[in-house]
Amino acid sequence: MSETLQATDVEASSPDEAEAEPQSQSKTEDLLVQEGDIAGDYLERLLDLLDYDGDIDLDVESGRAIVSIDGGEDLAKLVGPRGNVLESLQELTRLAVQQETGVRSRLMLDIAQWRAGRRAELAELGRSTAEKVLASGERARLHPMTPFERKVVHDSVAAVAGVHSESEGEEPQRRVIIFPKD
């Protein structure tokens, strides 16, 4: 299991705060590792029940547990069309973690690197659409997306100077609108 944490620059105003920060960060990291372990056990039992092969990788990144399943031929079935099954499995896994820890989990599940591939597609969609909006001066409305998808698009639009993005609508029809800056 690999673990990665984003470090934050925090200046403590007293020696007590300086000692408390590493302990607090350590407790947070320990909780995230525990979430990953619980999720990994839950997903391993699921794979056994389905008789699917897959390797489970646990990670901690950007303040959340990341669980990835790779390797088996049947894993695409656990992703489903447009990641619908993956989203449902992620929610079930979060509930299993919450039931055991008593804390709402923000863990991210990826299966067969679907999210990683989708992230790259959406980043390119956001960037290219932002450039079209910049060139035309006309706003653009993208198709409805999940919260994960919208965040990736917003992040890629933010990297293009001269445009900004907002989300509009109600789930499941919530979409990203990209505007030229005034």
C-alpha atoms as a PDB file:
ATOM      1  CA  MET A   1       0.000   0.000   0.000  1.00  0.00           C
ATOM      2  CA  SER A   2       1.366   3.402  -0.926  1.00  0.00           C
ATOM      3  CA  GLU A   3       0.527   6.552   0.953  1.00  0.00           C
ATOM      4  CA  THR A   4       0.913  10.141  -0.172  1.00  0.00           C
ATOM      5  CA  LEU A   5      -0.141  13.295   1.643  1.00  0.00           C
ATOM      6  CA  GLN A   6      -0.177  16.863   0.401  1.00  0.00           C
ATOM      7  CA  ALA A   7       1.759  19.003   2.858  1.00  0.00           C
ATOM      8  CA  THR A   8       0.379  22.378   3.868  1.00  0.00           C
ATOM      9  CA  ASP A   9       2.402  25.316   5.038  1.00  0.00           C
ATOM     10  CA  VAL A  10       1.028  26.250   8.443  1.00  0.00           C
ATOM     11  CA  GLU A  11       2.784  28.576  10.815  1.00  0.00           C
ATOM     12  CA  ALA A  12       2.079  27.899  14.455  1.00  0.00           C
ATOM     13  CA  SER A  13       1.882  30.856  16.775  1.00  0.00           C
ATOM     14  CA  SER A  14       2.997  28.895  19.836  1.00  0.00           C
ATOM     15  CA  PRO A  15       5.083  25.790  20.593  1.00  0.00           C
ATOM     16  CA  ASP A  16       1.902  23.949  21.684  1.00  0.00           C
ATOM     17  CA  GLU A  17       0.300  24.603  18.280  1.00  0.00           C
ATOM     18  CA  ALA A  18       3.487  23.452  16.547  1.00  0.00           C
ATOM     19  CA  GLU A  19       3.233  20.106  18.362  1.00  0.00           C
ATOM     20  CA  ALA A  20      -0.529  19.802  17.835  1.00  0.00           C
ATOM     21  CA  GLU A  21      -0.294  20.208  14.044  1.00  0.00           C
ATOM     22  CA  PRO A  22       1.765  17.048  13.353  1.00  0.00           C
ATOM     23  CA  GLN A  23      -0.437  15.057  15.756  1.00  0.00           C
ATOM     24  CA  SER A  24      -3.581  16.347  14.028  1.00  0.00           C
ATOM     25  CA  GLN A  25      -2.138  15.620  10.578  1.00  0.00           C
ATOM     26  CA  SER A  26      -1.053  12.179  11.780  1.00  0.00           C
ATOM     27  CA  LYS A  27      -4.568  11.439  13.090  1.00  0.00           C
ATOM     28  CA  THR A  28      -6.084  12.559   9.785  1.00  0.00           C
ATOM     29  CA  GLU A  29      -3.643  10.387   7.835  1.00  0.00           C
ATOM     30  CA  ASP A  30      -4.364   7.437  10.148  1.00  0.00           C
ATOM     31  CA  LEU A  31      -8.124   7.862   9.623  1.00  0.00           C
ATOM     32  CA  LEU A  32      -7.675   7.997   5.838  1.00  0.00           C
ATOM     33  CA  VAL A  33      -5.482   4.884   5.893  1.00  0.00           C
ATOM     34  CA  GLN A  34      -8.135   3.168   8.033  1.00  0.00           C
ATOM     35  CA  GLU A  35     -10.821   4.216   5.503  1.00  0.00           C
ATOM     36  CA  GLY A  36      -8.728   2.736   2.695  1.00  0.00           C
ATOM     37  CA  ASP A  37      -8.231  -0.507   4.593  1.00  0.00           C
ATOM     38  CA  ILE A  38     -11.952  -0.866   5.344  1.00  0.00           C
ATOM     39  CA  ALA A  39     -12.841  -0.050   1.742  1.00  0.00           C
ATOM     40  CA  GLY A  40     -10.232  -2.496   0.456  1.00  0.00           C
ATOM     41  CA  ASP A  41     -11.632  -5.300   2.632  1.00  0.00           C
ATOM     42  CA  TYR A  42     -15.203  -4.496   1.541  1.00  0.00           C
ATOM     43  CA  LEU A  43     -14.273  -4.464  -2.152  1.00  0.00           C
ATOM     44  CA  GLU A  44     -12.176  -7.626  -1.829  1.00  0.00           C
ATOM     45  CA  ARG A  45     -15.216  -9.461  -0.413  1.00  0.00           C
ATOM     46  CA  LEU A  46     -17.306  -8.099  -3.311  1.00  0.00           C
ATOM     47  CA  LEU A  47     -14.787  -9.302  -5.902  1.00  0.00           C
ATOM     48  CA  ASP A  48     -14.725 -12.735  -4.217  1.00  0.00           C
ATOM     49  CA  LEU A  49     -18.527 -12.956  -4.295  1.00  0.00           C
ATOM     50  CA  LEU A  50     -18.574 -12.037  -7.983  1.00  0.00           C
ATOM     51  CA  ASP A  51     -15.588 -14.310  -8.698  1.00  0.00           C
ATOM     52  CA  TYR A  52     -13.796 -11.393 -10.421  1.00  0.00           C
ATOM     53  CA  ASP A  53     -10.037 -10.968 -10.440  1.00  0.00           C
ATOM     54  CA  GLY A  54      -8.539  -7.635  -9.489  1.00  0.00           C
ATOM     55  CA  ASP A  55      -5.724  -6.041  -7.552  1.00  0.00           C
ATOM     56  CA  ILE A  56      -6.719  -3.445  -4.975  1.00  0.00           C
ATOM     57  CA  ASP A  57      -4.390  -0.494  -4.412  1.00  0.00           C
ATOM     58  CA  LEU A  58      -4.867   1.884  -1.478  1.00  0.00           C
ATOM     59  CA  ASP A  59      -3.514   5.428  -1.420  1.00  0.00           C
ATOM     60  CA  VAL A  60      -4.000   8.700   0.445  1.00  0.00           C
ATOM     61  CA  GLU A  61      -3.921  11.810  -1.713  1.00  0.00           C
ATOM     62  CA  SER A  62      -5.139  15.394  -1.295  1.00  0.00           C
ATOM     63  CA  GLY A  63      -6.884  14.633   1.983  1.00  0.00           C
ATOM     64  CA  ARG A  64      -8.882  11.622   0.801  1.00  0.00           C
ATOM     65  CA  ALA A  65      -8.498   7.886   0.583  1.00  0.00           C
ATOM     66  CA  ILE A  66      -8.089   6.602  -2.982  1.00  0.00           C
ATOM     67  CA  VAL A  67      -8.940   2.982  -3.758  1.00  0.00           C
ATOM     68  CA  SER A  68      -8.157   1.507  -7.181  1.00  0.00           C
ATOM     69  CA  ILE A  69      -9.041  -1.897  -8.600  1.00  0.00           C
ATOM     70  CA  ASP A  70      -7.085  -3.046 -11.650  1.00  0.00           C
ATOM     71  CA  GLY A  71      -6.190  -6.186 -13.502  1.00  0.00           C
ATOM     72  CA  GLY A  72      -9.276  -8.294 -14.146  1.00  0.00           C
ATOM     73  CA  GLU A  73     -11.060  -8.731 -17.480  1.00  0.00           C
ATOM     74  CA  ASP A  74     -14.523  -8.464 -15.883  1.00  0.00           C
ATOM     75  CA  LEU A  75     -13.821  -5.114 -14.214  1.00  0.00           C
ATOM     76  CA  ALA A  76     -15.413  -3.112 -17.040  1.00  0.00           C
ATOM     77  CA  LYS A  77     -18.756  -4.512 -15.849  1.00  0.00           C
ATOM     78  CA  LEU A  78     -18.138  -2.779 -12.510  1.00  0.00           C
ATOM     79  CA  VAL A  79     -17.686   0.554 -14.291  1.00  0.00           C
ATOM     80  CA  GLY A  80     -20.882   0.400 -16.344  1.00  0.00           C
ATOM     81  CA  PRO A  81     -22.113   2.893 -18.917  1.00  0.00           C
ATOM     82  CA  ARG A  82     -20.604   6.356 -18.301  1.00  0.00           C
ATOM     83  CA  GLY A  83     -19.331   5.118 -14.927  1.00  0.00           C
ATOM     84  CA  ASN A  84     -22.813   4.673 -13.422  1.00  0.00           C
ATOM     85  CA  VAL A  85     -22.019   1.359 -11.732  1.00  0.00           C
ATOM     86  CA  LEU A  86     -18.694   2.758 -10.505  1.00  0.00           C
ATOM     87  CA  GLU A  87     -20.484   5.744  -8.912  1.00  0.00           C
ATOM     88  CA  SER A  88     -22.913   3.388  -7.157  1.00  0.00           C
ATOM     89  CA  LEU A  89     -20.103   1.134  -5.910  1.00  0.00           C
ATOM     90  CA  GLN A  90     -18.258   4.185  -4.625  1.00  0.00           C
ATOM     91  CA  GLU A  91     -21.323   5.244  -2.624  1.00  0.00           C
ATOM     92  CA  LEU A  92     -21.812   1.723  -1.227  1.00  0.00           C
ATOM     93  CA  THR A  93     -18.134   1.590  -0.276  1.00  0.00           C
ATOM     94  CA  ARG A  94     -18.392   4.995   1.426  1.00  0.00           C
ATOM     95  CA  LEU A  95     -21.398   3.729   3.389  1.00  0.00           C
ATOM     96  CA  ALA A  96     -19.492   0.596   4.466  1.00  0.00           C
ATOM     97  CA  VAL A  97     -16.637   2.804   5.692  1.00  0.00           C
ATOM     98  CA  GLN A  98     -19.030   5.162   7.479  1.00  0.00           C
ATOM     99  CA  GLN A  99     -20.792   2.253   9.172  1.00  0.00           C
ATOM    100  CA  GLU A 100     -17.501   1.030  10.615  1.00  0.00           C
ATOM    101  CA  THR A 101     -15.885   4.390  11.464  1.00  0.00           C
ATOM    102  CA  GLY A 102     -18.926   6.531  12.231  1.00  0.00           C
ATOM    103  CA  VAL A 103     -17.446   9.252   9.992  1.00  0.00           C
ATOM    104  CA  ARG A 104     -18.679  10.230   6.521  1.00  0.00           C
ATOM    105  CA  SER A 105     -16.078   9.189   3.983  1.00  0.00           C
ATOM    106  CA  ARG A 106     -14.945  11.120   0.907  1.00  0.00           C
ATOM    107  CA  LEU A 107     -13.003   8.202  -0.531  1.00  0.00           C
ATOM    108  CA  MET A 108     -12.569   7.992  -4.290  1.00  0.00           C
ATOM    109  CA  LEU A 109     -12.934   4.661  -6.075  1.00  0.00           C
ATOM    110  CA  ASP A 110     -11.446   3.954  -9.496  1.00  0.00           C
ATOM    111  CA  ILE A 111     -11.900   0.722 -11.401  1.00  0.00           C
ATOM    112  CA  ALA A 112      -9.802  -0.349 -14.397  1.00  0.00           C
ATOM    113  CA  GLN A 113      -8.386   3.207 -14.500  1.00  0.00           C
ATOM    114  CA  TRP A 114     -11.722   4.486 -15.816  1.00  0.00           C
ATOM    115  CA  ARG A 115     -11.652   7.683 -13.727  1.00  0.00           C
ATOM    116  CA  ALA A 116      -8.062   8.408 -14.725  1.00  0.00           C
ATOM    117  CA  GLY A 117      -8.968   8.101 -18.415  1.00  0.00           C
ATOM    118  CA  ARG A 118     -12.177  10.064 -17.980  1.00  0.00           C
ATOM    119  CA  ARG A 119     -10.272  12.799 -16.124  1.00  0.00           C
ATOM    120  CA  ALA A 120      -7.940  13.220 -19.124  1.00  0.00           C
ATOM    121  CA  GLU A 121     -10.890  13.356 -21.574  1.00  0.00           C
ATOM    122  CA  LEU A 122     -12.741  15.932 -19.474  1.00  0.00           C
ATOM    123  CA  ALA A 123      -9.663  18.091 -18.958  1.00  0.00           C
ATOM    124  CA  GLU A 124      -9.219  18.226 -22.735  1.00  0.00           C
ATOM    125  CA  LEU A 125     -12.944  18.977 -23.229  1.00  0.00           C
ATOM    126  CA  GLY A 126     -12.781  21.828 -20.701  1.00  0.00           C
ATOM    127  CA  ARG A 127      -9.606  23.290 -22.183  1.00  0.00           C
ATOM    128  CA  SER A 128     -10.737  23.083 -25.821  1.00  0.00           C
ATOM    129  CA  THR A 129     -14.213  24.452 -25.067  1.00  0.00           C
ATOM    130  CA  ALA A 130     -12.699  27.310 -23.043  1.00  0.00           C
ATOM    131  CA  GLU A 131     -10.450  28.181 -25.981  1.00  0.00           C
ATOM    132  CA  LYS A 132     -13.472  28.174 -28.352  1.00  0.00           C
ATOM    133  CA  VAL A 133     -15.367  30.467 -25.971  1.00  0.00           C
ATOM    134  CA  LEU A 134     -12.351  32.756 -25.778  1.00  0.00           C
ATOM    135  CA  ALA A 135     -12.087  32.907 -29.586  1.00  0.00           C
ATOM    136  CA  SER A 136     -15.823  33.341 -30.278  1.00  0.00           C
ATOM    137  CA  GLY A 137     -16.868  35.429 -27.275  1.00  0.00           C
ATOM    138  CA  GLU A 138     -19.952  33.164 -26.992  1.00  0.00           C
ATOM    139  CA  ARG A 139     -20.738  31.116 -23.892  1.00  0.00           C
ATOM    140  CA  ALA A 140     -20.879  27.315 -24.143  1.00  0.00           C
ATOM    141  CA  ARG A 141     -23.136  24.842 -22.304  1.00  0.00           C
ATOM    142  CA  LEU A 142     -21.792  21.334 -21.816  1.00  0.00           C
ATOM    143  CA  HIS A 143     -23.896  18.195 -21.383  1.00  0.00           C
ATOM    144  CA  PRO A 144     -24.996  17.153 -17.858  1.00  0.00           C
ATOM    145  CA  MET A 145     -22.216  15.689 -15.742  1.00  0.00           C
ATOM    146  CA  THR A 146     -21.576  14.115 -12.365  1.00  0.00           C
ATOM    147  CA  PRO A 147     -19.926  16.216  -9.622  1.00  0.00           C
ATOM    148  CA  PHE A 148     -16.584  14.477 -10.318  1.00  0.00           C
ATOM    149  CA  GLU A 149     -16.824  15.326 -14.011  1.00  0.00           C
ATOM    150  CA  ARG A 150     -17.831  18.949 -13.404  1.00  0.00           C
ATOM    151  CA  LYS A 151     -14.908  19.500 -11.012  1.00  0.00           C
ATOM    152  CA  VAL A 152     -12.411  18.266 -13.591  1.00  0.00           C
ATOM    153  CA  VAL A 153     -13.918  20.588 -16.232  1.00  0.00           C
ATOM    154  CA  HIS A 154     -13.977  23.593 -13.850  1.00  0.00           C
ATOM    155  CA  ASP A 155     -10.314  22.991 -12.965  1.00  0.00           C
ATOM    156  CA  SER A 156      -9.243  22.848 -16.620  1.00  0.00           C
ATOM    157  CA  VAL A 157     -11.291  25.950 -17.528  1.00  0.00           C
ATOM    158  CA  ALA A 158      -9.683  27.850 -14.635  1.00  0.00           C
ATOM    159  CA  ALA A 159      -6.285  27.289 -16.272  1.00  0.00           C
ATOM    160  CA  VAL A 160      -7.374  29.250 -19.383  1.00  0.00           C
ATOM    161  CA  ALA A 161      -7.099  33.038 -18.961  1.00  0.00           C
ATOM    162  CA  GLY A 162     -10.066  35.103 -20.160  1.00  0.00           C
ATOM    163  CA  VAL A 163     -12.865  32.628 -19.340  1.00  0.00           C
ATOM    164  CA  HIS A 164     -14.672  31.307 -16.280  1.00  0.00           C
ATOM    165  CA  SER A 165     -17.142  28.517 -15.600  1.00  0.00           C
ATOM    166  CA  GLU A 166     -20.193  27.926 -13.440  1.00  0.00           C
ATOM    167  CA  SER A 167     -22.517  25.005 -12.849  1.00  0.00           C
ATOM    168  CA  GLU A 168     -26.257  25.341 -13.397  1.00  0.00           C
ATOM    169  CA  GLY A 169     -29.299  23.137 -13.031  1.00  0.00           C
ATOM    170  CA  GLU A 170     -30.362  20.413 -10.648  1.00  0.00           C
ATOM    171  CA  GLU A 171     -28.932  16.898 -10.398  1.00  0.00           C
ATOM    172  CA  PRO A 172     -28.843  14.780 -12.500  1.00  0.00           C
ATOM    173  CA  GLN A 173     -29.125  17.472 -15.205  1.00  0.00           C
ATOM    174  CA  ARG A 174     -26.508  19.797 -13.668  1.00  0.00           C
ATOM    175  CA  ARG A 175     -24.049  21.067 -16.297  1.00  0.00           C
ATOM    176  CA  VAL A 176     -21.056  23.365 -16.742  1.00  0.00           C
ATOM    177  CA  ILE A 177     -21.444  26.699 -18.538  1.00  0.00           C
ATOM    178  CA  ILE A 178     -18.278  28.401 -19.775  1.00  0.00           C
ATOM    179  CA  PHE A 179     -18.370  32.215 -20.166  1.00  0.00           C
ATOM    180  CA  PRO A 180     -15.949  34.755 -21.589  1.00  0.00           C
ATOM    181  CA  LYS A 181     -14.773  37.156 -18.866  1.00  0.00           C
ATOM    182  CA  ASP A 182     -16.073  40.686 -19.217  1.00  0.00           C
END
